[in-house]
């Protein structure tokens, strides 16, 4: 193998930072290299789009076999992309770019909906939003086929628990039929691998299962009739649930259980027993269980006050006739219409699932879809829009229980195949901001359109439309901007940061941080670093070794320190670390913040500071 190194006799090489912040003034180094045996005198010109440049034109002299570094002052006045073009006479020209970040506090307003018809939404950005910081992001969520594909790709990577494993097992068993019905060819090997992993987890959980665990696992095990082990497991679990029914018709229950939870749990049991009706004995068992449980629901109908419980009884097929009609009315009355045209089923305080956990609004809405299918008075399209807008490829709709219900609802709502091509347009006050055309293959994934949206401060009308209209596609529209930072302290957190007000390029400088918090709270400190500032890893590793911090991470101009909980009466945590500036100028350091993981309302914020680097 032979390698060649090629270069121009004389060339220019601007050294650019990965980013700047709005308001930064930096002296960018531009290197000129001469590989010839004669001195070179040439005109150097640096043009900048998206920022201001001072003294961008000059004549440079470069000695033979030498180089020269010229400093060019660039002022980044607002957020957005910057393009730098450096020209050395007629010998060389280089074009490079980077982004200027906004320095304010991010604010985001989000709306969702369905592409079944044009949607006009009202979104507001604070009037003091920093100029150039407004950006809009439109995500298009797929219909039933896209959701099934996304779930198959993600379900195995999610945290393992009984509900999630049961859902993965059920999905692996039902996926071949679902994909074929939606026009897709199943990947037999991938589904087999998923079924093996989920089956092994289910078998471990089913060694000595409670009735609640049996209701989780039975349906998934029965979805694999070709696997004798899982098929027998499913039958055994269904038999366990059937035998758990009390003489009064209820199932599960325990000390301190409210009636609402008992009714939901009984409906779960009824669904489980009806999952095994492939034999005469199974049909007789299901018929007897359903008849006894139906008496429970009819007897306690006046006590079913909330929409979620009513939806569960309907969605799980536990009621018929006049009882079902009365419960449908209660579900419809509990629906909430959103400002964006979507509809959802709210969850009243104290309402729980069979496992005692409070259902999310997304899960409750999915239950409402299943409960109201076929109801001409129900706003199913609006419920579907809410459901699709709450779907995340990584987490689905939440835990295993929520995903089981959410996928069932999506399959009910969006069975129709997608058109061959869809054009999606986003307008602000009647003017197009961004648009894109997608084919049916692309629409099986989550898609995104993103664009700058200057002039969006205040309240504006945003319209999302699809041509043709597609009920099986949902969207999420997020309008983001930045506003000036303000000091903020909530939940007893205290934060003080002492950074270098003056520093020199190539010389280490020290930063000191003091954090205080109530005892036994884990903390995360984050510092947005100025452009070109690097953190000295040795000083951070020393903090880990001394036990002052648990870990650290640096990425995209952001330093994060994880601090272990303090004991009662311990003094505030003080840490010091070193940083190395590599750019000269006046640089914005970004904000400092202290948070408690999992508690978004507990925080302390400090506005950005300005560094002078010589």
Foldseek 3Di string as FASTA:
>chain_A
DDDDDDDFQKEKDKDDFQEAAAFFKFWTKIKIFHAAQAKDKWWKAKDKDQWDKDPRIDIDIAGHRGMDIGTIIIHHHAWDKMKIWIDTHPRYIDIDIHTYHYQFAKDKDKDKAAQLFKFKFKDADAQQFTFQFKKKKKKKFFFLLLLLVLCLVALVVDDDDLLSLLLLLQSLLCVCVLQVLQPHHDDVVSSVVSNVVSVVSLVVQLPPHDLVSLLRRLLSLCSCVVDVVSVVSNVVSLVVQLVQQDPQLWHDDDPPDDPLLRLQLSLSNLLSLQSPPPDPVSVVSSVVSLVSNQVVCVVCLVVPQFLLSLLSCQLSVSYDDPSLVVSLVNNQVQWDQDSRGAIWHDFDPPRAHNVRHGDDRLLSLLSNLSNCVVPPPDPNLRSLRVNSQCQDSNQGNHHSSSNSSSSVSSCSFASDQDAQKKKKFKDKQRHTFDIDMDGSVVSSHIDMDMGGDGPRHGMIMMMIHMVVRHSRMMMMMMIMTGRHDDWDAPQAKDKDKDFAQEAEAFDKGKIKIWIDHAFQFKKKKKWQAWTQKAWDVVLVVVCCVVLLFVDWDDDDRMIMTIGGGHHPPDHIRMGMTIMHHHIATKGKGHKIKMDGPPDVRGMTIDRIDIHGYD
